Amino acid sequence: MKIVWSAEARLELRAIKKFIARDSVFYATRMIARIIERVEKVAVLSAQRHLVHEYPELDLREVREGSYRIIYH
């Protein structure tokens, strides 16, 4: 599976990092790395896929990292 980050996803990553960095730059950087690693694992391990229950007709999938939902197609 090829990973293509949308412009919105890149903006969200920056917003997450900025939000967490208000308390800790270290943990902000760490969370972004964990999210990116999770996305890379999903590209390889398809067993972690779950349908997004709000939009089952769109065939969107999701995984979680911490308290964040990572939604992809």
N, C-alpha and C. Protein backbone atom coordinates (compact mmCIF):
# COMPACT_ATOMS: atom_id res chain seq x y z
N MET A 1 0.84 -1.17 0.00
CA MET A 1 0.00 0.00 0.00
C MET A 1 0.90 1.24 0.00
N LYS A 2 0.59 2.19 -0.84
CA LYS A 2 1.35 3.43 -0.93
C LYS A 2 0.73 4.47 0.02
N ILE A 3 1.56 5.16 0.77
CA ILE A 3 1.09 6.18 1.69
C ILE A 3 1.19 7.54 1.01
N VAL A 4 0.06 8.23 0.94
CA VAL A 4 0.01 9.59 0.41
C VAL A 4 -0.68 10.44 1.47
N TRP A 5 0.05 11.35 2.07
CA TRP A 5 -0.51 12.22 3.09
C TRP A 5 -1.23 13.38 2.41
N SER A 6 -2.48 13.60 2.76
CA SER A 6 -3.22 14.73 2.21
C SER A 6 -2.71 16.02 2.85
N ALA A 7 -3.02 17.13 2.22
CA ALA A 7 -2.63 18.43 2.77
C ALA A 7 -3.28 18.61 4.15
N GLU A 8 -4.52 18.19 4.28
CA GLU A 8 -5.22 18.29 5.56
C GLU A 8 -4.54 17.45 6.63
N ALA A 9 -4.10 16.25 6.27
CA ALA A 9 -3.41 15.38 7.24
C ALA A 9 -2.11 16.02 7.70
N ARG A 10 -1.38 16.61 6.79
CA ARG A 10 -0.12 17.27 7.17
C ARG A 10 -0.38 18.45 8.10
N LEU A 11 -1.45 19.20 7.83
CA LEU A 11 -1.83 20.31 8.71
C LEU A 11 -2.22 19.80 10.10
N GLU A 12 -2.94 18.69 10.13
CA GLU A 12 -3.35 18.10 11.41
C GLU A 12 -2.14 17.65 12.21
N LEU A 13 -1.16 17.04 11.55
CA LEU A 13 0.06 16.63 12.26
C LEU A 13 0.77 17.84 12.86
N ARG A 14 0.84 18.91 12.10
CA ARG A 14 1.48 20.12 12.63
C ARG A 14 0.70 20.67 13.82
N ALA A 15 -0.64 20.64 13.73
CA ALA A 15 -1.47 21.15 14.83
C ALA A 15 -1.31 20.29 16.08
N ILE A 16 -1.25 18.99 15.90
CA ILE A 16 -1.03 18.08 17.03
C ILE A 16 0.31 18.38 17.69
N LYS A 17 1.33 18.51 16.87
CA LYS A 17 2.67 18.79 17.41
C LYS A 17 2.70 20.12 18.15
N LYS A 18 2.09 21.13 17.57
CA LYS A 18 2.06 22.45 18.20
C LYS A 18 1.31 22.40 19.53
N PHE A 19 0.19 21.69 19.56
CA PHE A 19 -0.61 21.58 20.78
C PHE A 19 0.18 20.89 21.90
N ILE A 20 0.78 19.75 21.59
CA ILE A 20 1.52 19.01 22.61
C ILE A 20 2.78 19.77 23.02
N ALA A 21 3.40 20.46 22.07
CA ALA A 21 4.65 21.19 22.34
C ALA A 21 4.46 22.34 23.33
N ARG A 22 3.22 22.77 23.53
CA ARG A 22 2.99 23.80 24.54
C ARG A 22 3.44 23.32 25.91
N ASP A 23 3.35 22.00 26.12
CA ASP A 23 3.80 21.42 27.38
C ASP A 23 5.18 20.77 27.27
N SER A 24 5.45 20.14 26.10
CA SER A 24 6.72 19.43 25.96
C SER A 24 7.05 19.21 24.49
N VAL A 25 8.13 19.80 24.05
CA VAL A 25 8.60 19.60 22.68
C VAL A 25 9.01 18.14 22.49
N PHE A 26 9.63 17.56 23.50
CA PHE A 26 10.06 16.17 23.43
C PHE A 26 8.86 15.25 23.15
N TYR A 27 7.79 15.38 23.95
CA TYR A 27 6.63 14.50 23.78
C TYR A 27 5.85 14.80 22.50
N ALA A 28 5.90 16.05 22.06
CA ALA A 28 5.26 16.40 20.79
C ALA A 28 5.95 15.67 19.64
N THR A 29 7.26 15.73 19.63
CA THR A 29 8.04 15.06 18.59
C THR A 29 7.83 13.55 18.66
N ARG A 30 7.80 13.04 19.87
CA ARG A 30 7.60 11.59 20.06
C ARG A 30 6.23 11.13 19.55
N MET A 31 5.16 11.91 19.84
CA MET A 31 3.82 11.53 19.39
C MET A 31 3.72 11.55 17.87
N ILE A 32 4.30 12.55 17.23
CA ILE A 32 4.26 12.61 15.77
C ILE A 32 5.00 11.42 15.18
N ALA A 33 6.12 11.06 15.77
CA ALA A 33 6.86 9.88 15.29
C ALA A 33 6.02 8.62 15.46
N ARG A 34 5.31 8.51 16.58
CA ARG A 34 4.46 7.33 16.81
C ARG A 34 3.32 7.26 15.80
N ILE A 35 2.72 8.40 15.49
CA ILE A 35 1.64 8.43 14.50
C ILE A 35 2.17 8.01 13.13
N ILE A 36 3.30 8.54 12.74
CA ILE A 36 3.89 8.20 11.44
C ILE A 36 4.25 6.71 11.40
N GLU A 37 4.83 6.19 12.46
CA GLU A 37 5.16 4.76 12.53
C GLU A 37 3.90 3.91 12.42
N ARG A 38 2.83 4.34 13.06
CA ARG A 38 1.57 3.59 13.02
C ARG A 38 1.04 3.54 11.59
N VAL A 39 1.10 4.66 10.89
CA VAL A 39 0.64 4.71 9.50
C VAL A 39 1.49 3.77 8.64
N GLU A 40 2.79 3.77 8.85
CA GLU A 40 3.67 2.90 8.07
C GLU A 40 3.37 1.42 8.36
N LYS A 41 3.04 1.09 9.60
CA LYS A 41 2.67 -0.29 9.93
C LYS A 41 1.37 -0.70 9.26
N VAL A 42 0.42 0.20 9.20
CA VAL A 42 -0.87 -0.10 8.56
C VAL A 42 -0.66 -0.43 7.09
N ALA A 43 0.28 0.26 6.46
CA ALA A 43 0.56 0.01 5.06
C ALA A 43 1.07 -1.41 4.84
N VAL A 44 1.67 -2.00 5.86
CA VAL A 44 2.23 -3.34 5.75
C VAL A 44 1.31 -4.39 6.36
N LEU A 45 0.71 -4.08 7.50
CA LEU A 45 -0.11 -5.04 8.23
C LEU A 45 -1.59 -4.72 8.08
N SER A 46 -2.21 -5.27 7.10
CA SER A 46 -3.60 -4.96 6.81
C SER A 46 -4.57 -5.49 7.85
N ALA A 47 -4.15 -6.36 8.74
CA ALA A 47 -5.04 -6.93 9.75
C ALA A 47 -5.49 -5.89 10.78
N GLN A 48 -4.85 -4.74 10.82
CA GLN A 48 -5.19 -3.72 11.81
C GLN A 48 -6.30 -2.79 11.32
N ARG A 49 -6.91 -3.10 10.25
CA ARG A 49 -7.91 -2.21 9.66
C ARG A 49 -9.27 -2.36 10.33
N HIS A 50 -9.92 -1.23 10.57
CA HIS A 50 -11.28 -1.18 11.10
C HIS A 50 -12.05 -0.17 10.27
N LEU A 51 -13.29 -0.50 9.95
CA LEU A 51 -14.13 0.45 9.23
C LEU A 51 -14.44 1.66 10.10
N VAL A 52 -14.52 2.83 9.48
CA VAL A 52 -14.97 4.03 10.18
C VAL A 52 -16.48 3.93 10.26
N HIS A 53 -17.00 3.73 11.46
CA HIS A 53 -18.41 3.42 11.61
C HIS A 53 -19.34 4.57 11.20
N GLU A 54 -18.86 5.79 11.19
CA GLU A 54 -19.71 6.92 10.79
C GLU A 54 -20.00 6.94 9.29
N TYR A 55 -19.08 6.38 8.49
CA TYR A 55 -19.21 6.42 7.03
C TYR A 55 -18.89 5.07 6.40
N PRO A 56 -19.66 4.03 6.70
CA PRO A 56 -19.33 2.70 6.16
C PRO A 56 -19.40 2.63 4.63
N GLU A 57 -20.20 3.47 4.02
CA GLU A 57 -20.34 3.45 2.57
C GLU A 57 -19.12 4.01 1.84
N LEU A 58 -18.25 4.71 2.54
CA LEU A 58 -17.07 5.31 1.91
C LEU A 58 -15.84 4.42 1.95
N ASP A 59 -15.95 3.28 2.58
CA ASP A 59 -14.83 2.33 2.71
C ASP A 59 -13.60 2.99 3.32
N LEU A 60 -13.82 3.82 4.33
CA LEU A 60 -12.73 4.43 5.08
C LEU A 60 -12.33 3.49 6.20
N ARG A 61 -11.06 3.48 6.52
CA ARG A 61 -10.53 2.62 7.59
C ARG A 61 -9.89 3.50 8.65
N GLU A 62 -9.71 2.92 9.84
CA GLU A 62 -9.07 3.68 10.90
C GLU A 62 -8.23 2.79 11.80
N VAL A 63 -7.24 3.41 12.40
CA VAL A 63 -6.45 2.82 13.48
C VAL A 63 -6.28 3.94 14.51
N ARG A 64 -5.85 3.57 15.67
CA ARG A 64 -5.64 4.57 16.73
C ARG A 64 -4.19 4.55 17.19
N GLU A 65 -3.75 5.72 17.55
CA GLU A 65 -2.44 5.86 18.21
C GLU A 65 -2.66 6.83 19.35
N GLY A 66 -2.53 6.32 20.57
CA GLY A 66 -2.87 7.14 21.73
C GLY A 66 -4.33 7.51 21.65
N SER A 67 -4.62 8.77 21.82
CA SER A 67 -6.01 9.23 21.74
C SER A 67 -6.38 9.75 20.34
N TYR A 68 -5.52 9.51 19.37
CA TYR A 68 -5.75 10.01 18.01
C TYR A 68 -6.26 8.92 17.09
N ARG A 69 -7.23 9.29 16.26
CA ARG A 69 -7.74 8.40 15.21
C ARG A 69 -7.02 8.74 13.92
N ILE A 70 -6.55 7.71 13.26
CA ILE A 70 -5.91 7.87 11.96
C ILE A 70 -6.86 7.24 10.95
N ILE A 71 -7.46 8.08 10.13
CA ILE A 71 -8.46 7.62 9.16
C ILE A 71 -7.81 7.64 7.78
N TYR A 72 -8.03 6.57 7.04
CA TYR A 72 -7.38 6.47 5.72
C TYR A 72 -8.26 5.70 4.75
N HIS A 73 -7.88 5.78 3.50
CA HIS A 73 -8.60 5.11 2.42
C HIS A 73 -7.60 4.35 1.58
